[in-house]
Amino acid sequence: MKTIYCISGLGADEMAFSRLKIPDHKLVYLPWLLPNNKESIR
């Protein structure tokens, strides 16, 4: 079984892939990391 890593775009989360079904593949949803307090964009 192959693995597919799903990364959502800005403004979306793992729910964007909730209906995605690909036979014989394992879907792994990678969530966005929450920034630390006062962390810059860099």
PDB file of N, CA and C in Angstrom:
ATOM      1  N   MET A   1       0.843  -1.171   0.000  1.00  0.00           N
ATOM      2  CA  MET A   1       0.000   0.000   0.000  1.00  0.00           C
ATOM      3  C   MET A   1       0.895   1.243   0.000  1.00  0.00           C
ATOM      4  N   LYS A   2       0.623   2.157  -0.905  1.00  0.00           N
ATOM      5  CA  LYS A   2       1.385   3.393  -0.988  1.00  0.00           C
ATOM      6  C   LYS A   2       0.772   4.436  -0.061  1.00  0.00           C
ATOM      7  N   THR A   3       1.603   5.387   0.367  1.00  0.00           N
ATOM      8  CA  THR A   3       1.159   6.456   1.245  1.00  0.00           C
ATOM      9  C   THR A   3       1.164   7.774   0.492  1.00  0.00           C
ATOM     10  N   ILE A   4       0.087   8.544   0.670  1.00  0.00           N
ATOM     11  CA  ILE A   4      -0.012   9.884   0.095  1.00  0.00           C
ATOM     12  C   ILE A   4      -0.138  10.861   1.251  1.00  0.00           C
ATOM     13  N   TYR A   5       0.748  11.860   1.272  1.00  0.00           N
ATOM     14  CA  TYR A   5       0.719  12.886   2.306  1.00  0.00           C
ATOM     15  C   TYR A   5      -0.071  14.077   1.786  1.00  0.00           C
ATOM     16  N   CYS A   6      -1.110  14.459   2.503  1.00  0.00           N
ATOM     17  CA  CYS A   6      -2.002  15.547   2.088  1.00  0.00           C
ATOM     18  C   CYS A   6      -1.689  16.790   2.904  1.00  0.00           C
ATOM     19  N   ILE A   7      -1.352  17.873   2.203  1.00  0.00           N
ATOM     20  CA  ILE A   7      -1.040  19.145   2.841  1.00  0.00           C
ATOM     21  C   ILE A   7      -2.027  20.178   2.314  1.00  0.00           C
ATOM     22  N   SER A   8      -2.830  20.736   3.200  1.00  0.00           N
ATOM     23  CA  SER A   8      -3.827  21.712   2.761  1.00  0.00           C
ATOM     24  C   SER A   8      -3.183  23.078   2.565  1.00  0.00           C
ATOM     25  N   GLY A   9      -3.857  23.917   1.792  1.00  0.00           N
ATOM     26  CA  GLY A   9      -3.369  25.268   1.551  1.00  0.00           C
ATOM     27  C   GLY A   9      -3.758  26.210   2.676  1.00  0.00           C
ATOM     28  N   LEU A  10      -3.345  27.448   2.563  1.00  0.00           N
ATOM     29  CA  LEU A  10      -3.682  28.438   3.580  1.00  0.00           C
ATOM     30  C   LEU A  10      -5.194  28.623   3.645  1.00  0.00           C
ATOM     31  N   GLY A  11      -5.687  28.747   4.835  1.00  0.00           N
ATOM     32  CA  GLY A  11      -7.120  28.950   5.016  1.00  0.00           C
ATOM     33  C   GLY A  11      -7.930  27.666   5.013  1.00  0.00           C
ATOM     34  N   ALA A  12      -7.274  26.537   4.954  1.00  0.00           N
ATOM     35  CA  ALA A  12      -7.977  25.250   4.965  1.00  0.00           C
ATOM     36  C   ALA A  12      -7.268  24.310   5.943  1.00  0.00           C
ATOM     37  N   ASP A  13      -7.970  23.277   6.350  1.00  0.00           N
ATOM     38  CA  ASP A  13      -7.352  22.284   7.217  1.00  0.00           C
ATOM     39  C   ASP A  13      -7.586  20.894   6.630  1.00  0.00           C
ATOM     40  N   GLU A  14      -7.393  19.877   7.436  1.00  0.00           N
ATOM     41  CA  GLU A  14      -7.526  18.495   6.949  1.00  0.00           C
ATOM     42  C   GLU A  14      -8.911  18.177   6.416  1.00  0.00           C
ATOM     43  N   MET A  15      -9.914  18.960   6.804  1.00  0.00           N
ATOM     44  CA  MET A  15     -11.282  18.718   6.342  1.00  0.00           C
ATOM     45  C   MET A  15     -11.392  18.840   4.817  1.00  0.00           C
ATOM     46  N   ALA A  16     -10.455  19.544   4.194  1.00  0.00           N
ATOM     47  CA  ALA A  16     -10.472  19.681   2.735  1.00  0.00           C
ATOM     48  C   ALA A  16     -10.337  18.316   2.055  1.00  0.00           C
ATOM     49  N   PHE A  17      -9.781  17.345   2.772  1.00  0.00           N
ATOM     50  CA  PHE A  17      -9.566  16.014   2.203  1.00  0.00           C
ATOM     51  C   PHE A  17     -10.544  14.976   2.756  1.00  0.00           C
ATOM     52  N   SER A  18     -11.550  15.415   3.478  1.00  0.00           N
ATOM     53  CA  SER A  18     -12.427  14.477   4.181  1.00  0.00           C
ATOM     54  C   SER A  18     -13.151  13.506   3.258  1.00  0.00           C
ATOM     55  N   ARG A  19     -13.409  13.889   2.033  1.00  0.00           N
ATOM     56  CA  ARG A  19     -14.128  12.995   1.099  1.00  0.00           C
ATOM     57  C   ARG A  19     -13.200  12.325   0.090  1.00  0.00           C
ATOM     58  N   LEU A  20     -11.926  12.577   0.202  1.00  0.00           N
ATOM     59  CA  LEU A  20     -10.962  12.008  -0.738  1.00  0.00           C
ATOM     60  C   LEU A  20     -10.729  10.528  -0.402  1.00  0.00           C
ATOM     61  N   LYS A  21     -11.003   9.679  -1.344  1.00  0.00           N
ATOM     62  CA  LYS A  21     -10.797   8.239  -1.198  1.00  0.00           C
ATOM     63  C   LYS A  21     -10.002   7.752  -2.405  1.00  0.00           C
ATOM     64  N   ILE A  22      -8.854   7.146  -2.152  1.00  0.00           N
ATOM     65  CA  ILE A  22      -8.023   6.613  -3.228  1.00  0.00           C
ATOM     66  C   ILE A  22      -7.771   5.143  -2.899  1.00  0.00           C
ATOM     67  N   PRO A  23      -8.312   4.237  -3.694  1.00  0.00           N
ATOM     68  CA  PRO A  23      -8.153   2.807  -3.416  1.00  0.00           C
ATOM     69  C   PRO A  23      -6.680   2.399  -3.333  1.00  0.00           C
ATOM     70  N   ASP A  24      -6.397   1.507  -2.408  1.00  0.00           N
ATOM     71  CA  ASP A  24      -5.064   0.933  -2.214  1.00  0.00           C
ATOM     72  C   ASP A  24      -4.011   1.963  -1.838  1.00  0.00           C
ATOM     73  N   HIS A  25      -4.422   3.076  -1.232  1.00  0.00           N
ATOM     74  CA  HIS A  25      -3.500   4.099  -0.760  1.00  0.00           C
ATOM     75  C   HIS A  25      -3.878   4.511   0.656  1.00  0.00           C
ATOM     76  N   LYS A  26      -2.864   4.795   1.445  1.00  0.00           N
ATOM     77  CA  LYS A  26      -3.071   5.306   2.794  1.00  0.00           C
ATOM     78  C   LYS A  26      -2.892   6.819   2.733  1.00  0.00           C
ATOM     79  N   LEU A  27      -3.879   7.572   3.227  1.00  0.00           N
ATOM     80  CA  LEU A  27      -3.804   9.024   3.236  1.00  0.00           C
ATOM     81  C   LEU A  27      -3.357   9.498   4.613  1.00  0.00           C
ATOM     82  N   VAL A  28      -2.345  10.349   4.634  1.00  0.00           N
ATOM     83  CA  VAL A  28      -1.844  10.929   5.877  1.00  0.00           C
ATOM     84  C   VAL A  28      -2.033  12.432   5.769  1.00  0.00           C
ATOM     85  N   TYR A  29      -2.760  13.010   6.710  1.00  0.00           N
ATOM     86  CA  TYR A  29      -3.055  14.435   6.692  1.00  0.00           C
ATOM     87  C   TYR A  29      -2.049  15.158   7.579  1.00  0.00           C
ATOM     88  N   LEU A  30      -1.317  16.108   7.004  1.00  0.00           N
ATOM     89  CA  LEU A  30      -0.332  16.865   7.758  1.00  0.00           C
ATOM     90  C   LEU A  30      -0.931  18.210   8.156  1.00  0.00           C
ATOM     91  N   PRO A  31      -1.149  18.420   9.453  1.00  0.00           N
ATOM     92  CA  PRO A  31      -1.752  19.682   9.902  1.00  0.00           C
ATOM     93  C   PRO A  31      -0.719  20.811   9.889  1.00  0.00           C
ATOM     94  N   TRP A  32      -1.223  22.031   9.789  1.00  0.00           N
ATOM     95  CA  TRP A  32      -0.347  23.204   9.902  1.00  0.00           C
ATOM     96  C   TRP A  32       0.156  23.302  11.325  1.00  0.00           C
ATOM     97  N   LEU A  33       1.410  23.731  11.471  1.00  0.00           N
ATOM     98  CA  LEU A  33       1.964  23.946  12.800  1.00  0.00           C
ATOM     99  C   LEU A  33       1.465  25.288  13.326  1.00  0.00           C
ATOM    100  N   LEU A  34       1.082  25.312  14.569  1.00  0.00           N
ATOM    101  CA  LEU A  34       0.667  26.566  15.174  1.00  0.00           C
ATOM    102  C   LEU A  34       1.910  27.364  15.557  1.00  0.00           C
ATOM    103  N   PRO A  35       1.937  28.648  15.240  1.00  0.00           N
ATOM    104  CA  PRO A  35       3.120  29.456  15.579  1.00  0.00           C
ATOM    105  C   PRO A  35       3.232  29.676  17.082  1.00  0.00           C
ATOM    106  N   ASN A  36       4.465  29.848  17.533  1.00  0.00           N
ATOM    107  CA  ASN A  36       4.693  30.199  18.931  1.00  0.00           C
ATOM    108  C   ASN A  36       4.280  31.646  19.148  1.00  0.00           C
ATOM    109  N   ASN A  37       4.042  32.002  20.382  1.00  0.00           N
ATOM    110  CA  ASN A  37       3.659  33.366  20.729  1.00  0.00           C
ATOM    111  C   ASN A  37       4.750  34.338  20.268  1.00  0.00           C
ATOM    112  N   LYS A  38       4.373  35.362  19.522  1.00  0.00           N
ATOM    113  CA  LYS A  38       5.268  36.409  19.012  1.00  0.00           C
ATOM    114  C   LYS A  38       6.293  35.890  18.000  1.00  0.00           C
ATOM    115  N   GLU A  39       6.034  34.762  17.371  1.00  0.00           N
ATOM    116  CA  GLU A  39       6.942  34.212  16.363  1.00  0.00           C
ATOM    117  C   GLU A  39       6.776  34.993  15.044  1.00  0.00           C
ATOM    118  N   SER A  40       7.883  35.356  14.423  1.00  0.00           N
ATOM    119  CA  SER A  40       7.808  36.098  13.167  1.00  0.00           C
ATOM    120  C   SER A  40       7.513  35.125  12.005  1.00  0.00           C
ATOM    121  N   ILE A  41       7.183  35.683  10.851  1.00  0.00           N
ATOM    122  CA  ILE A  41       6.906  34.862   9.687  1.00  0.00           C
ATOM    123  C   ILE A  41       8.179  34.161   9.181  1.00  0.00           C
ATOM    124  N   ARG A  42       9.290  34.794   9.377  1.00  0.00           N
ATOM    125  CA  ARG A  42      10.543  34.145   8.972  1.00  0.00           C
ATOM    126  C   ARG A  42      10.775  32.910   9.755  1.00  0.00           C
TER     127      ARG A  42
END
